């Protein structure tokens, strides 16, 4: 078991899926966690689970595409927790009508606003605190689709997640003198609620072969527990039965 006592962590997209699993894993290891997502009721459910297990948790409902609200949340979290040692960006969206043949430009704008601009918003809001501390870790959840061709994801999702990869590397290039490091994790298909937005739903047998949110949580917990001298610049992972390597019709 990793000991993360004393660590203060802000997690976006924490109401379900990967973000929820990460929040519970880090809290179980002793970290104090601040949870953000758009829906307060889902955050409360996750927070209640963590508190019932003895974890330290607080919630900050938030749409990360709103830069002013993100800055306000960052300031509130710093005031409440004293520090922000780790920022973890898990929030992400897609749309069923995701291909050029049926993509609405408003859906494109919404996907980019959350998946890419939302990450920039939280990073910009958090970096001043980390610079002041002369220490910090940022973990951004990107996607296998950002690294390898996978048309099922759709062009808006792919473009936004590729942007997250480059954004992550730029943090390491510019902030190393402040002892701030960034890890970009690009997972293949994970059995999370976002898969329900697929134009063609997956059968349970297929879902059972995908990565689980707990798999991501274990990796993230390991990265958070690593010494500050260690930077995991990028991690790419996939299910052993990687459907992205099979011929799948978009």
Protein backbone atom coordinates (compact mmCIF):
# COMPACT_ATOMS: atom_id res chain seq x y z
CA UNK A 1 0.00 0.00 0.00
CA UNK A 2 1.33 3.43 -0.97
CA UNK A 3 1.37 6.06 1.78
CA UNK A 4 0.13 9.40 0.43
CA UNK A 5 -0.58 11.03 3.79
CA UNK A 6 -0.09 14.77 3.53
CA UNK A 7 -0.73 14.91 -0.21
CA UNK A 8 -3.45 17.28 -1.42
CA UNK A 9 -4.99 16.26 -4.75
CA UNK A 10 -7.52 17.96 -7.04
CA UNK A 11 -9.31 15.59 -9.43
CA UNK A 12 -11.65 16.68 -12.23
CA UNK A 13 -14.16 14.32 -13.78
CA UNK A 14 -14.37 12.69 -10.35
CA UNK A 15 -18.07 11.88 -10.39
CA UNK A 16 -17.75 8.58 -12.23
CA UNK A 17 -15.49 6.26 -14.20
CA UNK A 18 -11.74 6.85 -14.17
CA UNK A 19 -11.91 9.95 -11.99
CA UNK A 20 -14.00 8.22 -9.34
CA UNK A 21 -11.68 5.21 -9.23
CA UNK A 22 -8.61 7.45 -8.93
CA UNK A 23 -10.19 9.52 -6.15
CA UNK A 24 -11.03 6.42 -4.11
CA UNK A 25 -7.60 4.88 -4.64
CA UNK A 26 -5.70 8.02 -3.61
CA UNK A 27 -7.95 8.63 -0.62
CA UNK A 28 -7.46 5.04 0.51
CA UNK A 29 -3.70 5.66 0.37
CA UNK A 30 -4.08 8.65 2.70
CA UNK A 31 -4.31 11.62 0.32
CA UNK A 32 -6.74 14.45 0.89
CA UNK A 33 -8.84 14.74 -2.27
CA UNK A 34 -10.88 17.59 -3.76
CA UNK A 35 -13.40 16.35 -6.30
CA UNK A 36 -14.81 18.30 -9.24
CA UNK A 37 -17.42 17.43 -11.85
CA UNK A 38 -20.50 19.11 -13.26
CA UNK A 39 -23.11 17.16 -11.29
CA UNK A 40 -23.10 17.77 -7.55
CA UNK A 41 -25.21 14.69 -6.78
CA UNK A 42 -22.66 12.29 -8.31
CA UNK A 43 -19.81 14.03 -6.48
CA UNK A 44 -21.69 13.71 -3.21
CA UNK A 45 -22.11 9.98 -3.77
CA UNK A 46 -18.39 9.49 -4.40
CA UNK A 47 -17.49 11.74 -1.46
CA UNK A 48 -19.82 9.81 0.86
CA UNK A 49 -18.16 6.53 -0.16
CA UNK A 50 -14.72 7.97 0.54
CA UNK A 51 -15.75 9.48 3.88
CA UNK A 52 -17.39 6.22 4.94
CA UNK A 53 -14.02 4.53 4.46
CA UNK A 54 -12.25 7.15 6.58
CA UNK A 55 -10.92 9.26 3.73
CA UNK A 56 -10.48 13.02 3.66
CA UNK A 57 -12.60 14.53 0.90
CA UNK A 58 -14.32 17.71 -0.24
CA UNK A 59 -16.32 18.54 -3.35
CA UNK A 60 -16.22 21.50 -5.74
CA UNK A 61 -18.91 21.14 -8.45
CA UNK A 62 -17.57 22.69 -11.62
CA UNK A 63 -17.77 22.92 -15.41
CA UNK A 64 -14.08 23.01 -16.33
CA UNK A 65 -14.84 24.77 -19.62
CA UNK A 66 -15.60 27.93 -17.58
CA UNK A 67 -12.18 29.44 -16.90
CA UNK A 68 -13.44 31.93 -14.30
CA UNK A 69 -15.15 29.19 -12.28
CA UNK A 70 -12.04 27.01 -12.55
CA UNK A 71 -9.86 29.78 -11.13
CA UNK A 72 -12.33 30.32 -8.30
CA UNK A 73 -12.34 26.58 -7.53
CA UNK A 74 -8.53 26.43 -7.51
CA UNK A 75 -8.38 29.32 -5.05
CA UNK A 76 -11.02 27.71 -2.82
CA UNK A 77 -9.19 24.37 -2.83
CA UNK A 78 -5.89 25.99 -1.94
CA UNK A 79 -7.57 27.91 0.86
CA UNK A 80 -9.24 24.78 2.21
CA UNK A 81 -6.46 22.24 1.77
CA UNK A 82 -3.47 24.58 2.16
CA UNK A 83 -1.73 23.21 -0.93
CA UNK A 84 -2.39 21.59 -4.28
CA UNK A 85 0.30 18.95 -4.63
CA UNK A 86 -1.34 17.08 -7.49
CA UNK A 87 -3.81 18.04 -10.24
CA UNK A 88 -5.45 15.17 -12.13
CA UNK A 89 -7.52 15.95 -15.23
CA UNK A 90 -9.99 13.14 -15.95
CA UNK A 91 -12.98 15.07 -17.30
CA UNK A 92 -13.87 14.22 -20.89
CA UNK A 93 -16.84 14.17 -23.26
CA UNK A 94 -17.78 12.90 -26.69
CA UNK A 95 -20.94 12.72 -28.80
CA UNK A 96 -22.76 9.87 -30.57
CA UNK A 97 -22.80 11.90 -33.80
CA UNK A 98 -19.04 12.17 -33.90
CA UNK A 99 -18.03 11.64 -37.55
CA UNK A 100 -17.78 14.30 -40.23
CA UNK A 101 -20.85 12.89 -41.97
CA UNK A 102 -23.08 13.85 -39.02
CA UNK A 103 -20.97 16.06 -36.72
CA UNK A 104 -22.55 19.31 -35.56
CA UNK A 105 -20.03 22.14 -35.11
CA UNK A 106 -21.54 22.91 -31.70
CA UNK A 107 -20.63 19.39 -30.58
CA UNK A 108 -17.08 19.93 -31.86
CA UNK A 109 -16.84 23.14 -29.84
CA UNK A 110 -18.23 21.48 -26.70
CA UNK A 111 -15.79 18.54 -26.93
CA UNK A 112 -12.79 20.80 -27.40
CA UNK A 113 -14.02 23.18 -24.67
CA UNK A 114 -13.99 20.36 -22.12
CA UNK A 115 -11.31 17.92 -23.30
CA UNK A 116 -8.63 20.47 -24.24
CA UNK A 117 -9.56 23.96 -23.06
CA UNK A 118 -10.74 22.54 -19.73
CA UNK A 119 -7.32 21.02 -19.14
CA UNK A 120 -5.65 24.33 -20.00
CA UNK A 121 -8.01 26.09 -17.59
CA UNK A 122 -7.13 23.88 -14.62
CA UNK A 123 -3.42 23.93 -15.42
CA UNK A 124 -3.33 27.74 -15.66
CA UNK A 125 -5.30 28.02 -12.41
CA UNK A 126 -3.04 25.60 -10.53
CA UNK A 127 0.47 26.38 -11.77
CA UNK A 128 0.89 29.58 -9.67
CA UNK A 129 0.30 27.56 -6.48
CA UNK A 130 2.73 24.85 -7.58
CA UNK A 131 5.37 27.45 -8.51
CA UNK A 132 4.98 29.02 -5.08
CA UNK A 133 5.43 25.59 -3.50
CA UNK A 134 8.33 24.78 -5.87
CA UNK A 135 6.73 21.39 -6.26
CA UNK A 136 3.80 19.86 -8.11
CA UNK A 137 2.53 17.02 -10.25
CA UNK A 138 -0.04 17.23 -13.04
CA UNK A 139 -1.57 14.09 -14.53
CA UNK A 140 -3.63 14.43 -17.70
CA UNK A 141 -5.73 11.57 -19.03
CA UNK A 142 -5.51 11.63 -22.83
CA UNK A 143 -6.36 8.63 -25.03
CA UNK A 144 -4.93 5.84 -27.15
CA UNK A 145 -6.73 7.66 -29.99
CA UNK A 146 -4.30 10.55 -29.49
CA UNK A 147 -1.37 8.25 -30.32
CA UNK A 148 -2.77 5.74 -32.80
CA UNK A 149 -5.40 5.79 -35.50
CA UNK A 150 -8.79 4.84 -34.05
CA UNK A 151 -11.58 6.42 -36.14
CA UNK A 152 -14.29 5.18 -33.75
CA UNK A 153 -13.35 8.05 -31.40
CA UNK A 154 -14.27 10.73 -33.94
CA UNK A 155 -12.20 13.71 -35.16
CA UNK A 156 -13.14 16.17 -32.40
CA UNK A 157 -12.22 13.76 -29.62
CA UNK A 158 -9.00 12.71 -31.35
CA UNK A 159 -7.93 16.30 -32.01
CA UNK A 160 -8.68 17.40 -28.44
CA UNK A 161 -6.79 14.49 -26.88
CA UNK A 162 -3.78 14.97 -29.18
CA UNK A 163 -3.73 18.54 -27.95
CA UNK A 164 -3.62 17.26 -24.36
CA UNK A 165 -0.53 15.17 -25.17
CA UNK A 166 1.36 18.18 -26.54
CA UNK A 167 0.13 20.42 -23.72
CA UNK A 168 1.46 17.91 -21.20
CA UNK A 169 4.93 17.74 -22.73
CA UNK A 170 5.12 21.55 -22.82
CA UNK A 171 4.61 21.67 -19.04
CA UNK A 172 7.68 19.50 -18.53
CA UNK A 173 9.69 21.67 -20.93
CA UNK A 174 8.78 24.95 -19.25
CA UNK A 175 8.30 24.12 -15.56
CA UNK A 176 11.18 21.78 -14.71
CA UNK A 177 13.07 24.53 -12.86
CA UNK A 178 10.04 24.84 -10.57
CA UNK A 179 10.13 21.11 -9.81
CA UNK A 180 6.76 20.71 -11.56
CA UNK A 181 6.29 17.57 -13.61
CA UNK A 182 3.52 16.30 -15.84
CA UNK A 183 2.46 12.78 -16.76
CA UNK A 184 0.18 12.20 -19.73
CA UNK A 185 -1.61 8.84 -19.65
CA UNK A 186 -3.12 7.59 -22.91
CA UNK A 187 -5.30 4.55 -22.25
CA UNK A 188 -6.98 2.35 -24.80
CA UNK A 189 -10.63 1.51 -24.36
CA UNK A 190 -11.79 1.67 -20.73
CA UNK A 191 -15.16 0.33 -19.58
CA UNK A 192 -16.64 3.65 -18.41
CA UNK A 193 -20.00 5.43 -18.88
CA UNK A 194 -18.60 7.45 -21.82
CA UNK A 195 -18.79 4.28 -23.93
CA UNK A 196 -22.56 4.62 -23.74
CA UNK A 197 -22.18 7.51 -26.17
CA UNK A 198 -20.88 5.19 -28.88
CA UNK A 199 -23.10 5.07 -31.99
CA UNK A 200 -22.98 1.26 -31.68
CA UNK A 201 -23.05 0.06 -28.02
CA UNK A 202 -20.61 -2.67 -27.00
CA UNK A 203 -21.80 -6.10 -25.95
CA UNK A 204 -21.04 -7.11 -22.35
CA UNK A 205 -18.56 -9.72 -23.56
CA UNK A 206 -16.55 -6.96 -25.25
CA UNK A 207 -16.79 -4.66 -22.23
CA UNK A 208 -15.39 -7.40 -20.00
CA UNK A 209 -12.17 -7.46 -22.05
CA UNK A 210 -11.49 -3.73 -21.82
CA UNK A 211 -9.40 -1.85 -19.28
CA UNK A 212 -11.17 -1.10 -16.00
CA UNK A 213 -11.13 2.26 -14.20
CA UNK A 214 -9.29 0.48 -11.37
CA UNK A 215 -6.42 -0.29 -13.77
CA UNK A 216 -5.95 3.44 -14.37
CA UNK A 217 -6.29 4.16 -10.66
CA UNK A 218 -3.45 1.78 -9.82
CA UNK A 219 -1.15 3.42 -12.37
CA UNK A 220 -2.02 6.93 -11.17
CA UNK A 221 -1.50 5.99 -7.52
CA UNK A 222 1.94 4.66 -8.41
CA UNK A 223 2.84 7.86 -10.31
CA UNK A 224 1.64 10.07 -7.45
CA UNK A 225 3.69 8.08 -4.93
CA UNK A 226 6.93 8.34 -6.92
CA UNK A 227 9.72 10.63 -5.65
CA UNK A 228 9.69 14.21 -6.96
CA UNK A 229 12.91 13.49 -8.86
CA UNK A 230 10.98 11.08 -11.11
CA UNK A 231 8.91 12.30 -14.06
CA UNK A 232 6.74 9.81 -15.95
CA UNK A 233 6.45 11.92 -19.07
CA UNK A 234 3.98 9.68 -20.87
CA UNK A 235 2.29 6.34 -20.32
CA UNK A 236 0.46 4.52 -23.12
CA UNK A 237 -1.59 1.47 -22.15
CA UNK A 238 -4.26 -0.71 -23.70
CA UNK A 239 -6.28 -3.87 -23.12
CA UNK A 240 -4.42 -7.02 -24.10
CA UNK A 241 -7.34 -7.68 -26.44
CA UNK A 242 -6.85 -4.32 -28.15
CA UNK A 243 -9.83 -3.75 -30.43
CA UNK A 244 -8.10 -0.70 -31.93
CA UNK A 245 -5.79 -3.11 -33.75
CA UNK A 246 -8.73 -4.91 -35.32
CA UNK A 247 -10.70 -3.73 -38.36
CA UNK A 248 -13.61 -1.82 -36.80
CA UNK A 249 -16.05 0.15 -38.88
CA UNK A 250 -16.38 3.75 -37.60
